[in-house]
Amino acid sequence: MKTHPSEKMHLAVVACGERLEETVTMLRSAIIFSIKPLQFHIFAEDQLHESFKNILDGFTNEEKVNYTLYPITFPTESAAEWKKLFKPCASQRLFLPLILKNVDSLLYVDTDVLFLRPVDDIWSFLGKFNSTQIAAMAPEHEEPRIGWYNRFARHPYYGVTGINSGVMLMNMTRIRRKYFKNDMTPVRLQWGEILMPLLKKYKLNITWGDQDLLNIMFFHNPESLYVFPCQWNYRPDHCIYGSNCKEAEEEGIFILHGNRGVYHDDKQPTFRAVYEAIKNYSFGDDLVHSLLQPLELELQKTTHTYCGRVYKVFVKQLTKSIRDLYARRSKGR
C-alpha cells in the first residue's frame, strides 16, 4: 500500500492577526531550496488576502510556485467553539482533510516555521509510511524532565512526551478513509465525526488547543503515526536548557520552529538571527554572501545564550542546502 506522492508538493499554513510577515518568510524559505513544484494553500483572515496576493505575485522568478488563498472556515454549527480554541484560527488545520478534498497529501506548518533544506526531503517521508500510518509529527520534547505533557497534561497524549503539531505531514486520503478508535464510543469514528465530540469531552482539560486533540487521537491510534526526529521540528526547548536534540547536533537543524514568538523578541537571538536572514534575503542574490555569511556573523554574537553555544547546528544543514542547490544549478547548465 505504498503511496506515490504526486510531483507537486502541497504546503498549507493558517495565518491570522499579525502573522503576515512571518508566513511570507516561511514561504520564502520553502521556495529557496525546494526542487519539485510547490502548491501553497494559504488559509487567512479576509483582511490579509490582498497583502498576501501582492507579495506572492511579486515572487516573479519562481515559476515552480502556485498558491491558493482561502478564507478561515469552521463547521457552521460549532464555528464559535473552534475559533476560541488556543489561538484564533489555529484549529483550522484540523479541518484541512475535509476542506481540501482533492488533495492526496499535505504538509501543514505553523507560520513560525523555517525550512533549512528542501521541502522535498520531508515530503519523502510519505513514501516511508507503512500501511497503517496516516500522518507524521515530531515529539513535543526529547527530555522528559522538561516535558509538558508528561508533567502537566490532564488528558491522554501520544508516547512519552506527546507530539508537536507545528510540522505535520499528512496522507489525507488515508485520514479521510480511516475509522478512529476513541474513548467516547465503542464505535470507531471518521475524522469528520470525531472532532466535535473530542472537543466537547476535553475542552476544559486542554491547554494547547488542537495539538492536544491530535495527541488524544494518536494516543488511541498510535499505529497511525510516523514519528520523525527532532531536527525536523527544532524549537527553543531543544537548546534553552542545554542542547537535547542529538540528531541536530550531528546533522544540523532541518526545520526551525520559532514558537513562543522568539523571532520577534530578544530572548533567543539565535532563532531571531535565522529569521531575519531569510526575511531580508532577496531572491536571485548569492546565498553565501547575502544569507549565510551575514547569518554566521550574527550567530557568533549569541554565544552568551544556551542556544548560541550550539549556534553551529543552526547553519550546518543550511550550508549543505546552499552547496547542494548550487551543485544542482551547475549540473543543469
C-alpha atoms as a PDB file:
ATOM      1  CA  MET A   1       0.000   0.000   0.000  1.00  0.00           C
ATOM      2  CA  LYS A   2       2.947   2.318  -0.532  1.00  0.00           C
ATOM      3  CA  THR A   3       1.729   5.664  -1.818  1.00  0.00           C
ATOM      4  CA  HIS A   4       3.430   7.532  -4.612  1.00  0.00           C
ATOM      5  CA  PRO A   5       3.244  11.244  -3.791  1.00  0.00           C
ATOM      6  CA  SER A   6       2.408  13.269  -6.903  1.00  0.00           C
ATOM      7  CA  GLU A   7       5.039  15.508  -8.443  1.00  0.00           C
ATOM      8  CA  LYS A   8       3.639  18.666  -6.854  1.00  0.00           C
ATOM      9  CA  MET A   9       4.194  19.175  -3.115  1.00  0.00           C
ATOM     10  CA  HIS A  10       1.282  20.689  -1.199  1.00  0.00           C
ATOM     11  CA  LEU A  11       2.075  23.004   1.717  1.00  0.00           C
ATOM     12  CA  ALA A  12      -0.625  24.508   3.950  1.00  0.00           C
ATOM     13  CA  VAL A  13      -0.466  27.327   6.501  1.00  0.00           C
ATOM     14  CA  VAL A  14      -3.047  29.217   8.546  1.00  0.00           C
ATOM     15  CA  ALA A  15      -2.408  32.938   9.090  1.00  0.00           C
ATOM     16  CA  CYS A  16      -4.361  35.279  11.327  1.00  0.00           C
ATOM     17  CA  GLY A  17      -3.722  38.566  13.093  1.00  0.00           C
ATOM     18  CA  GLU A  18      -0.147  39.816  12.865  1.00  0.00           C
ATOM     19  CA  ARG A  19       1.251  36.759  11.107  1.00  0.00           C
ATOM     20  CA  LEU A  20       1.613  38.059   7.531  1.00  0.00           C
ATOM     21  CA  GLU A  21       5.354  38.793   7.592  1.00  0.00           C
ATOM     22  CA  GLU A  22       6.120  35.564   9.437  1.00  0.00           C
ATOM     23  CA  THR A  23       4.099  33.483   6.970  1.00  0.00           C
ATOM     24  CA  VAL A  24       5.734  35.111   3.945  1.00  0.00           C
ATOM     25  CA  THR A  25       9.181  34.441   5.446  1.00  0.00           C
ATOM     26  CA  MET A  26       8.250  30.768   5.918  1.00  0.00           C
ATOM     27  CA  LEU A  27       7.067  30.571   2.282  1.00  0.00           C
ATOM     28  CA  ARG A  28      10.312  32.205   1.116  1.00  0.00           C
ATOM     29  CA  SER A  29      12.339  29.567   2.958  1.00  0.00           C
ATOM     30  CA  ALA A  30      10.294  26.824   1.243  1.00  0.00           C
ATOM     31  CA  ILE A  31      10.875  28.384  -2.177  1.00  0.00           C
ATOM     32  CA  ILE A  32      14.628  28.961  -1.796  1.00  0.00           C
ATOM     33  CA  PHE A  33      15.701  25.313  -1.553  1.00  0.00           C
ATOM     34  CA  SER A  34      12.863  23.175  -2.885  1.00  0.00           C
ATOM     35  CA  ILE A  35      13.270  21.167  -6.057  1.00  0.00           C
ATOM     36  CA  LYS A  36       9.828  19.888  -7.092  1.00  0.00           C
ATOM     37  CA  PRO A  37       6.997  22.406  -7.722  1.00  0.00           C
ATOM     38  CA  LEU A  38       5.167  23.758  -4.678  1.00  0.00           C
ATOM     39  CA  GLN A  39       1.449  24.385  -4.242  1.00  0.00           C
ATOM     40  CA  PHE A  40       0.742  26.677  -1.278  1.00  0.00           C
ATOM     41  CA  HIS A  41      -2.657  26.526   0.428  1.00  0.00           C
ATOM     42  CA  ILE A  42      -2.909  29.702   2.499  1.00  0.00           C
ATOM     43  CA  PHE A  43      -5.826  29.991   4.910  1.00  0.00           C
ATOM     44  CA  ALA A  44      -6.012  33.588   6.089  1.00  0.00           C
ATOM     45  CA  GLU A  45      -8.356  36.147   7.579  1.00  0.00           C
ATOM     46  CA  ASP A  46     -10.042  38.186   4.862  1.00  0.00           C
ATOM     47  CA  GLN A  47      -8.144  41.403   5.637  1.00  0.00           C
ATOM     48  CA  LEU A  48      -4.828  39.652   4.893  1.00  0.00           C
ATOM     49  CA  HIS A  49      -5.737  38.312   1.444  1.00  0.00           C
ATOM     50  CA  GLU A  50      -4.841  41.447  -0.517  1.00  0.00           C
ATOM     51  CA  SER A  51      -1.401  41.720   1.122  1.00  0.00           C
ATOM     52  CA  PHE A  52      -0.647  38.038   0.528  1.00  0.00           C
ATOM     53  CA  LYS A  53      -1.634  38.393  -3.112  1.00  0.00           C
ATOM     54  CA  ASN A  54       0.540  41.462  -3.677  1.00  0.00           C
ATOM     55  CA  ILE A  55       3.589  39.869  -2.042  1.00  0.00           C
ATOM     56  CA  LEU A  56       3.268  36.405  -3.601  1.00  0.00           C
ATOM     57  CA  ASP A  57       2.621  37.809  -7.071  1.00  0.00           C
ATOM     58  CA  GLY A  58       5.939  39.624  -6.633  1.00  0.00           C
ATOM     59  CA  PHE A  59       7.837  36.340  -6.341  1.00  0.00           C
ATOM     60  CA  THR A  60       8.188  36.515 -10.113  1.00  0.00           C
ATOM     61  CA  ASN A  61      11.283  34.369 -10.502  1.00  0.00           C
ATOM     62  CA  GLU A  62       9.547  31.326  -9.140  1.00  0.00           C
ATOM     63  CA  GLU A  63       7.594  29.508 -11.842  1.00  0.00           C
ATOM     64  CA  LYS A  64       7.666  26.396  -9.656  1.00  0.00           C
ATOM     65  CA  VAL A  65       5.256  28.008  -7.163  1.00  0.00           C
ATOM     66  CA  ASN A  66       1.472  28.231  -7.234  1.00  0.00           C
ATOM     67  CA  TYR A  67      -0.743  29.423  -4.410  1.00  0.00           C
ATOM     68  CA  THR A  68      -4.422  29.478  -3.451  1.00  0.00           C
ATOM     69  CA  LEU A  69      -5.887  31.747  -0.769  1.00  0.00           C
ATOM     70  CA  TYR A  70      -8.797  30.509   1.333  1.00  0.00           C
ATOM     71  CA  PRO A  71     -10.973  32.160   3.970  1.00  0.00           C
ATOM     72  CA  ILE A  72     -10.947  30.812   7.522  1.00  0.00           C
ATOM     73  CA  THR A  73     -13.905  28.435   7.771  1.00  0.00           C
ATOM     74  CA  PHE A  74     -15.230  26.199  10.521  1.00  0.00           C
ATOM     75  CA  PRO A  75     -18.297  23.917  10.573  1.00  0.00           C
ATOM     76  CA  THR A  76     -21.193  26.375  10.884  1.00  0.00           C
ATOM     77  CA  GLU A  77     -22.906  24.743  13.852  1.00  0.00           C
ATOM     78  CA  SER A  78     -19.763  24.968  16.011  1.00  0.00           C
ATOM     79  CA  ALA A  79     -17.730  27.807  14.482  1.00  0.00           C
ATOM     80  CA  ALA A  80     -17.625  29.908  17.668  1.00  0.00           C
ATOM     81  CA  GLU A  81     -16.305  26.976  19.739  1.00  0.00           C
ATOM     82  CA  TRP A  82     -13.483  26.226  17.312  1.00  0.00           C
ATOM     83  CA  LYS A  83     -12.461  29.871  16.950  1.00  0.00           C
ATOM     84  CA  LYS A  84     -11.947  30.170  20.708  1.00  0.00           C
ATOM     85  CA  LEU A  85      -9.602  27.203  20.862  1.00  0.00           C
ATOM     86  CA  PHE A  86      -5.990  28.092  21.863  1.00  0.00           C
ATOM     87  CA  LYS A  87      -5.301  30.873  19.311  1.00  0.00           C
ATOM     88  CA  PRO A  88      -7.546  32.493  16.716  1.00  0.00           C
ATOM     89  CA  CYS A  89      -7.781  30.209  13.701  1.00  0.00           C
ATOM     90  CA  ALA A  90      -5.206  27.642  14.842  1.00  0.00           C
ATOM     91  CA  SER A  91      -7.754  24.821  14.868  1.00  0.00           C
ATOM     92  CA  GLN A  92      -8.415  25.423  11.156  1.00  0.00           C
ATOM     93  CA  ARG A  93      -5.724  22.812  10.463  1.00  0.00           C
ATOM     94  CA  LEU A  94      -7.940  20.057  11.902  1.00  0.00           C
ATOM     95  CA  PHE A  95     -10.377  20.617   9.043  1.00  0.00           C
ATOM     96  CA  LEU A  96      -7.847  20.560   6.183  1.00  0.00           C
ATOM     97  CA  PRO A  97      -8.591  16.931   5.199  1.00  0.00           C
ATOM     98  CA  LEU A  98     -12.275  17.856   4.904  1.00  0.00           C
ATOM     99  CA  ILE A  99     -11.771  21.172   3.072  1.00  0.00           C
ATOM    100  CA  LEU A 100      -9.024  20.126   0.634  1.00  0.00           C
ATOM    101  CA  LYS A 101     -10.925  17.068  -0.557  1.00  0.00           C
ATOM    102  CA  ASN A 102      -8.955  16.710  -3.784  1.00  0.00           C
ATOM    103  CA  VAL A 103      -5.507  16.918  -2.183  1.00  0.00           C
ATOM    104  CA  ASP A 104      -3.974  13.494  -1.551  1.00  0.00           C
ATOM    105  CA  SER A 105      -1.089  14.512   0.737  1.00  0.00           C
ATOM    106  CA  LEU A 106      -0.225  17.737   2.521  1.00  0.00           C
ATOM    107  CA  LEU A 107       2.465  19.258   4.707  1.00  0.00           C
ATOM    108  CA  TYR A 108       0.946  21.603   7.288  1.00  0.00           C
ATOM    109  CA  VAL A 109       3.274  24.021   9.093  1.00  0.00           C
ATOM    110  CA  ASP A 110       2.754  26.792  11.623  1.00  0.00           C
ATOM    111  CA  THR A 111       3.564  30.321  10.435  1.00  0.00           C
ATOM    112  CA  ASP A 112       6.701  30.396  12.628  1.00  0.00           C
ATOM    113  CA  VAL A 113       8.463  27.575  10.770  1.00  0.00           C
ATOM    114  CA  LEU A 114      11.544  27.984   8.542  1.00  0.00           C
ATOM    115  CA  PHE A 115      12.857  25.398   6.073  1.00  0.00           C
ATOM    116  CA  LEU A 116      16.638  24.989   6.103  1.00  0.00           C
ATOM    117  CA  ARG A 117      16.601  22.228   3.484  1.00  0.00           C
ATOM    118  CA  PRO A 118      14.272  21.339   0.566  1.00  0.00           C
ATOM    119  CA  VAL A 119      10.608  20.636   1.366  1.00  0.00           C
ATOM    120  CA  ASP A 120      11.194  17.604  -0.897  1.00  0.00           C
ATOM    121  CA  ASP A 121      13.134  15.931   1.931  1.00  0.00           C
ATOM    122  CA  ILE A 122      10.339  15.963   4.499  1.00  0.00           C
ATOM    123  CA  TRP A 123       7.834  15.211   1.716  1.00  0.00           C
ATOM    124  CA  SER A 124       9.754  11.991   1.023  1.00  0.00           C
ATOM    125  CA  PHE A 125       8.655  10.606   4.432  1.00  0.00           C
ATOM    126  CA  LEU A 126       5.258   9.925   2.795  1.00  0.00           C
ATOM    127  CA  GLY A 127       6.946   7.082   0.936  1.00  0.00           C
ATOM    128  CA  LYS A 128       8.259   5.660   4.221  1.00  0.00           C
ATOM    129  CA  PHE A 129       4.798   5.321   5.846  1.00  0.00           C
ATOM    130  CA  ASN A 130       3.808   1.723   6.487  1.00  0.00           C
ATOM    131  CA  SER A 131       0.269   0.611   5.598  1.00  0.00           C
ATOM    132  CA  THR A 132      -1.289   1.940   8.833  1.00  0.00           C
ATOM    133  CA  GLN A 133       0.439   5.329   9.106  1.00  0.00           C
ATOM    134  CA  ILE A 134      -1.548   8.405   8.088  1.00  0.00           C
ATOM    135  CA  ALA A 135       0.462  11.334   9.493  1.00  0.00           C
ATOM    136  CA  ALA A 136       3.938  12.239  10.723  1.00  0.00           C
ATOM    137  CA  MET A 137       4.989  14.571  13.551  1.00  0.00           C
ATOM    138  CA  ALA A 138       7.939  15.082  15.893  1.00  0.00           C
ATOM    139  CA  PRO A 139       7.905  14.552  19.680  1.00  0.00           C
ATOM    140  CA  GLU A 140       6.953  17.561  21.820  1.00  0.00           C
ATOM    141  CA  HIS A 141      10.117  17.020  23.898  1.00  0.00           C
ATOM    142  CA  GLU A 142      13.275  14.946  23.813  1.00  0.00           C
ATOM    143  CA  GLU A 143      13.899  15.283  27.539  1.00  0.00           C
ATOM    144  CA  PRO A 144      11.024  14.081  29.785  1.00  0.00           C
ATOM    145  CA  ARG A 145      12.337  16.113  32.752  1.00  0.00           C
ATOM    146  CA  ILE A 146      11.282  19.303  30.956  1.00  0.00           C
ATOM    147  CA  GLY A 147       8.314  17.739  29.129  1.00  0.00           C
ATOM    148  CA  TRP A 148       4.964  19.469  29.353  1.00  0.00           C
ATOM    149  CA  TYR A 149       2.521  16.655  28.634  1.00  0.00           C
ATOM    150  CA  ASN A 150       4.115  14.074  30.920  1.00  0.00           C
ATOM    151  CA  ARG A 151       4.178  16.561  33.834  1.00  0.00           C
ATOM    152  CA  PHE A 152       1.001  18.619  33.415  1.00  0.00           C
ATOM    153  CA  ALA A 153      -1.471  17.206  30.864  1.00  0.00           C
ATOM    154  CA  ARG A 154      -4.977  16.373  32.056  1.00  0.00           C
ATOM    155  CA  HIS A 155      -5.787  14.281  29.009  1.00  0.00           C
ATOM    156  CA  PRO A 156      -4.244  11.333  27.111  1.00  0.00           C
ATOM    157  CA  TYR A 157      -1.252  12.129  24.889  1.00  0.00           C
ATOM    158  CA  TYR A 158       0.935  10.215  22.442  1.00  0.00           C
ATOM    159  CA  GLY A 159       4.061   8.358  23.596  1.00  0.00           C
ATOM    160  CA  VAL A 160       6.359   9.533  26.376  1.00  0.00           C
ATOM    161  CA  THR A 161       6.242  13.308  25.909  1.00  0.00           C
ATOM    162  CA  GLY A 162       3.435  13.932  23.407  1.00  0.00           C
ATOM    163  CA  ILE A 163       3.764  15.225  19.837  1.00  0.00           C
ATOM    164  CA  ASN A 164       4.123  18.735  18.430  1.00  0.00           C
ATOM    165  CA  SER A 165       1.790  19.562  15.550  1.00  0.00           C
ATOM    166  CA  GLY A 166       3.656  22.631  14.225  1.00  0.00           C
ATOM    167  CA  VAL A 167       5.077  20.471  11.420  1.00  0.00           C
ATOM    168  CA  MET A 168       2.534  17.854  10.364  1.00  0.00           C
ATOM    169  CA  LEU A 169       2.811  15.697   7.262  1.00  0.00           C
ATOM    170  CA  MET A 170      -0.483  14.084   6.247  1.00  0.00           C
ATOM    171  CA  ASN A 171      -1.633  11.416   3.843  1.00  0.00           C
ATOM    172  CA  MET A 172      -5.094  12.962   3.692  1.00  0.00           C
ATOM    173  CA  THR A 173      -6.587  10.213   1.535  1.00  0.00           C
ATOM    174  CA  ARG A 174      -5.841   7.772   4.364  1.00  0.00           C
ATOM    175  CA  ILE A 175      -7.042  10.236   7.018  1.00  0.00           C
ATOM    176  CA  ARG A 176     -10.399  10.561   5.242  1.00  0.00           C
ATOM    177  CA  ARG A 177     -10.763   6.780   4.956  1.00  0.00           C
ATOM    178  CA  LYS A 178      -9.761   5.824   8.482  1.00  0.00           C
ATOM    179  CA  TYR A 179     -12.106   4.921  11.326  1.00  0.00           C
ATOM    180  CA  PHE A 180     -10.522   6.034  14.620  1.00  0.00           C
ATOM    181  CA  LYS A 181     -10.584   4.245  17.951  1.00  0.00           C
ATOM    182  CA  ASN A 182     -11.662   6.668  20.701  1.00  0.00           C
ATOM    183  CA  ASP A 183     -12.750   6.845  24.348  1.00  0.00           C
ATOM    184  CA  MET A 184     -16.212   8.286  23.696  1.00  0.00           C
ATOM    185  CA  THR A 185     -17.956   5.410  21.968  1.00  0.00           C
ATOM    186  CA  PRO A 186     -17.211   1.731  21.248  1.00  0.00           C
ATOM    187  CA  VAL A 187     -17.827   2.583  17.580  1.00  0.00           C
ATOM    188  CA  ARG A 188     -14.882   3.848  15.531  1.00  0.00           C
ATOM    189  CA  LEU A 189     -15.425   7.328  14.083  1.00  0.00           C
ATOM    190  CA  GLN A 190     -14.201   9.018  10.928  1.00  0.00           C
ATOM    191  CA  TRP A 191     -12.149  12.241  11.053  1.00  0.00           C
ATOM    192  CA  GLY A 192     -15.137  14.485  10.400  1.00  0.00           C
ATOM    193  CA  GLU A 193     -17.224  12.759  13.089  1.00  0.00           C
ATOM    194  CA  ILE A 194     -14.661  12.654  15.877  1.00  0.00           C
ATOM    195  CA  LEU A 195     -13.558  16.299  16.161  1.00  0.00           C
ATOM    196  CA  MET A 196     -16.612  17.848  17.835  1.00  0.00           C
ATOM    197  CA  PRO A 197     -17.199  15.049  20.376  1.00  0.00           C
ATOM    198  CA  LEU A 198     -13.483  15.248  21.293  1.00  0.00           C
ATOM    199  CA  LEU A 199     -13.693  18.991  21.849  1.00  0.00           C
ATOM    200  CA  LYS A 200     -16.876  18.623  23.926  1.00  0.00           C
ATOM    201  CA  LYS A 201     -15.332  15.946  26.120  1.00  0.00           C
ATOM    202  CA  TYR A 202     -11.938  17.581  26.683  1.00  0.00           C
ATOM    203  CA  LYS A 203     -12.372  21.331  26.208  1.00  0.00           C
ATOM    204  CA  LEU A 204     -11.952  22.090  29.923  1.00  0.00           C
ATOM    205  CA  ASN A 205      -8.829  19.914  30.109  1.00  0.00           C
ATOM    206  CA  ILE A 206      -6.834  21.115  27.128  1.00  0.00           C
ATOM    207  CA  THR A 207      -4.217  23.867  27.075  1.00  0.00           C
ATOM    208  CA  TRP A 208      -2.693  23.801  23.594  1.00  0.00           C
ATOM    209  CA  GLY A 209      -5.942  23.540  21.640  1.00  0.00           C
ATOM    210  CA  ASP A 210      -5.920  21.427  18.525  1.00  0.00           C
ATOM    211  CA  GLN A 211      -2.454  19.999  19.266  1.00  0.00           C
ATOM    212  CA  ASP A 212      -3.932  18.432  22.398  1.00  0.00           C
ATOM    213  CA  LEU A 213      -6.813  16.947  20.379  1.00  0.00           C
ATOM    214  CA  LEU A 214      -4.305  15.402  17.949  1.00  0.00           C
ATOM    215  CA  ASN A 215      -2.403  13.950  20.904  1.00  0.00           C
ATOM    216  CA  ILE A 216      -5.600  12.366  22.213  1.00  0.00           C
ATOM    217  CA  MET A 217      -6.417  10.909  18.780  1.00  0.00           C
ATOM    218  CA  PHE A 218      -2.972   9.381  18.298  1.00  0.00           C
ATOM    219  CA  PHE A 219      -2.893   8.091  21.893  1.00  0.00           C
ATOM    220  CA  HIS A 220      -5.845   5.906  20.902  1.00  0.00           C
ATOM    221  CA  ASN A 221      -4.452   5.165  17.411  1.00  0.00           C
ATOM    222  CA  PRO A 222      -0.655   5.005  17.875  1.00  0.00           C
ATOM    223  CA  GLU A 223      -0.185   2.711  14.865  1.00  0.00           C
ATOM    224  CA  SER A 224      -1.349   5.593  12.651  1.00  0.00           C
ATOM    225  CA  LEU A 225       1.533   7.939  13.458  1.00  0.00           C
ATOM    226  CA  TYR A 226       5.016   8.089  11.929  1.00  0.00           C
ATOM    227  CA  VAL A 227       7.361   9.941  14.297  1.00  0.00           C
ATOM    228  CA  PHE A 228      10.216  11.889  12.746  1.00  0.00           C
ATOM    229  CA  PRO A 229      13.306  13.121  14.629  1.00  0.00           C
ATOM    230  CA  CYS A 230      13.586  16.467  16.421  1.00  0.00           C
ATOM    231  CA  GLN A 231      15.722  18.177  13.785  1.00  0.00           C
ATOM    232  CA  TRP A 232      12.595  18.289  11.557  1.00  0.00           C
ATOM    233  CA  ASN A 233      10.826  20.479  14.141  1.00  0.00           C
ATOM    234  CA  TYR A 234      13.549  22.206  16.159  1.00  0.00           C
ATOM    235  CA  ARG A 235      12.251  24.568  18.854  1.00  0.00           C
ATOM    236  CA  PRO A 236      13.770  26.699  21.620  1.00  0.00           C
ATOM    237  CA  ASP A 237      13.100  23.849  24.078  1.00  0.00           C
ATOM    238  CA  HIS A 238      15.768  21.868  22.242  1.00  0.00           C
ATOM    239  CA  CYS A 239      18.510  24.245  23.370  1.00  0.00           C
ATOM    240  CA  ILE A 240      17.387  26.755  26.038  1.00  0.00           C
ATOM    241  CA  TYR A 241      18.057  24.316  28.891  1.00  0.00           C
ATOM    242  CA  GLY A 242      21.116  22.856  27.203  1.00  0.00           C
ATOM    243  CA  SER A 243      21.199  21.015  23.883  1.00  0.00           C
ATOM    244  CA  ASN A 244      18.949  17.937  23.850  1.00  0.00           C
ATOM    245  CA  CYS A 245      18.308  17.188  20.155  1.00  0.00           C
ATOM    246  CA  LYS A 246      21.069  14.714  19.342  1.00  0.00           C
ATOM    247  CA  GLU A 247      20.153  14.460  15.661  1.00  0.00           C
ATOM    248  CA  ALA A 248      20.522  18.233  15.204  1.00  0.00           C
ATOM    249  CA  GLU A 249      23.928  18.156  16.903  1.00  0.00           C
ATOM    250  CA  GLU A 250      25.038  15.533  14.400  1.00  0.00           C
ATOM    251  CA  GLU A 251      23.430  16.746  11.174  1.00  0.00           C
ATOM    252  CA  GLY A 252      22.167  20.274  11.869  1.00  0.00           C
ATOM    253  CA  ILE A 253      18.638  21.679  12.021  1.00  0.00           C
ATOM    254  CA  PHE A 254      16.426  20.781   9.048  1.00  0.00           C
ATOM    255  CA  ILE A 255      13.286  22.735  10.000  1.00  0.00           C
ATOM    256  CA  LEU A 256      13.373  25.557  12.557  1.00  0.00           C
ATOM    257  CA  HIS A 257      10.215  26.241  14.586  1.00  0.00           C
ATOM    258  CA  GLY A 258      10.414  29.541  16.455  1.00  0.00           C
ATOM    259  CA  ASN A 259       7.426  29.097  18.727  1.00  0.00           C
ATOM    260  CA  ARG A 260       6.702  31.396  21.705  1.00  0.00           C
ATOM    261  CA  GLY A 261       7.324  34.446  19.485  1.00  0.00           C
ATOM    262  CA  VAL A 262      11.112  34.069  19.575  1.00  0.00           C
ATOM    263  CA  TYR A 263      11.614  35.631  16.128  1.00  0.00           C
ATOM    264  CA  HIS A 264      10.252  38.902  17.474  1.00  0.00           C
ATOM    265  CA  ASP A 265      11.911  39.411  20.865  1.00  0.00           C
ATOM    266  CA  ASP A 266      15.463  39.281  22.191  1.00  0.00           C
ATOM    267  CA  LYS A 267      15.126  36.184  24.380  1.00  0.00           C
ATOM    268  CA  GLN A 268      16.538  33.747  21.797  1.00  0.00           C
ATOM    269  CA  PRO A 269      18.800  35.721  19.434  1.00  0.00           C
ATOM    270  CA  THR A 270      19.877  32.590  17.522  1.00  0.00           C
ATOM    271  CA  PHE A 271      16.316  31.969  16.322  1.00  0.00           C
ATOM    272  CA  ARG A 272      15.797  35.635  15.558  1.00  0.00           C
ATOM    273  CA  ALA A 273      19.029  35.809  13.526  1.00  0.00           C
ATOM    274  CA  VAL A 274      17.934  32.968  11.222  1.00  0.00           C
ATOM    275  CA  TYR A 275      14.508  34.557  10.773  1.00  0.00           C
ATOM    276  CA  GLU A 276      15.967  37.982   9.939  1.00  0.00           C
ATOM    277  CA  ALA A 277      18.477  36.475   7.484  1.00  0.00           C
ATOM    278  CA  ILE A 278      15.765  34.674   5.477  1.00  0.00           C
ATOM    279  CA  LYS A 279      13.359  37.625   5.716  1.00  0.00           C
ATOM    280  CA  ASN A 280      15.986  40.023   4.323  1.00  0.00           C
ATOM    281  CA  TYR A 281      17.297  37.744   1.579  1.00  0.00           C
ATOM    282  CA  SER A 282      16.364  38.822  -1.979  1.00  0.00           C
ATOM    283  CA  PHE A 283      15.648  36.047  -4.486  1.00  0.00           C
ATOM    284  CA  GLY A 284      18.449  35.804  -7.004  1.00  0.00           C
ATOM    285  CA  ASP A 285      21.163  37.148  -4.688  1.00  0.00           C
ATOM    286  CA  ASP A 286      24.126  34.934  -3.897  1.00  0.00           C
ATOM    287  CA  LEU A 287      23.070  32.744  -0.963  1.00  0.00           C
ATOM    288  CA  VAL A 288      26.545  32.507   0.537  1.00  0.00           C
ATOM    289  CA  HIS A 289      27.294  36.242   0.576  1.00  0.00           C
ATOM    290  CA  SER A 290      23.761  37.540   1.137  1.00  0.00           C
ATOM    291  CA  LEU A 291      22.393  34.945   3.569  1.00  0.00           C
ATOM    292  CA  LEU A 292      24.913  32.501   5.025  1.00  0.00           C
ATOM    293  CA  GLN A 293      27.874  34.769   5.842  1.00  0.00           C
ATOM    294  CA  PRO A 294      25.851  37.613   7.429  1.00  0.00           C
ATOM    295  CA  LEU A 295      23.931  34.987   9.425  1.00  0.00           C
ATOM    296  CA  GLU A 296      27.114  33.342  10.734  1.00  0.00           C
ATOM    297  CA  LEU A 297      28.388  36.732  11.909  1.00  0.00           C
ATOM    298  CA  GLU A 298      25.112  37.385  13.759  1.00  0.00           C
ATOM    299  CA  LEU A 299      25.111  33.906  15.325  1.00  0.00           C
ATOM    300  CA  GLN A 300      28.647  34.367  16.636  1.00  0.00           C
ATOM    301  CA  LYS A 301      27.286  37.249  18.749  1.00  0.00           C
ATOM    302  CA  THR A 302      24.835  34.899  20.518  1.00  0.00           C
ATOM    303  CA  THR A 303      27.293  32.589  22.290  1.00  0.00           C
ATOM    304  CA  HIS A 304      26.315  34.057  25.694  1.00  0.00           C
ATOM    305  CA  THR A 305      22.994  32.123  25.393  1.00  0.00           C
ATOM    306  CA  TYR A 306      22.463  28.361  25.682  1.00  0.00           C
ATOM    307  CA  CYS A 307      21.219  28.144  22.079  1.00  0.00           C
ATOM    308  CA  GLY A 308      24.108  30.342  20.932  1.00  0.00           C
ATOM    309  CA  ARG A 309      26.601  27.895  22.399  1.00  0.00           C
ATOM    310  CA  VAL A 310      25.446  25.392  19.781  1.00  0.00           C
ATOM    311  CA  TYR A 311      24.985  28.008  17.029  1.00  0.00           C
ATOM    312  CA  LYS A 312      26.743  25.750  14.512  1.00  0.00           C
ATOM    313  CA  VAL A 313      23.688  23.453  14.439  1.00  0.00           C
ATOM    314  CA  PHE A 314      21.733  26.434  13.035  1.00  0.00           C
ATOM    315  CA  VAL A 315      23.983  26.697   9.941  1.00  0.00           C
ATOM    316  CA  LYS A 316      25.235  23.144   9.449  1.00  0.00           C
ATOM    317  CA  GLN A 317      22.355  21.946   7.245  1.00  0.00           C
ATOM    318  CA  LEU A 318      21.808  25.414   5.754  1.00  0.00           C
ATOM    319  CA  THR A 319      25.399  25.399   4.472  1.00  0.00           C
ATOM    320  CA  LYS A 320      24.839  21.971   2.908  1.00  0.00           C
ATOM    321  CA  SER A 321      21.491  23.032   1.383  1.00  0.00           C
ATOM    322  CA  ILE A 322      23.160  26.019  -0.293  1.00  0.00           C
ATOM    323  CA  ARG A 323      26.044  23.868  -1.559  1.00  0.00           C
ATOM    324  CA  ASP A 324      23.594  21.274  -2.944  1.00  0.00           C
ATOM    325  CA  LEU A 325      21.489  23.984  -4.601  1.00  0.00           C
ATOM    326  CA  TYR A 326      24.486  25.434  -6.443  1.00  0.00           C
ATOM    327  CA  ALA A 327      25.649  21.944  -7.422  1.00  0.00           C
ATOM    328  CA  ARG A 328      22.210  21.222  -8.940  1.00  0.00           C
ATOM    329  CA  ARG A 329      22.305  24.525 -10.803  1.00  0.00           C
ATOM    330  CA  SER A 330      25.732  23.940 -12.289  1.00  0.00           C
ATOM    331  CA  LYS A 331      24.671  20.429 -13.381  1.00  0.00           C
ATOM    332  CA  GLY A 332      21.578  21.850 -15.044  1.00  0.00           C
ATOM    333  CA  ARG A 333      23.533  24.335 -17.160  1.00  0.00           C
END
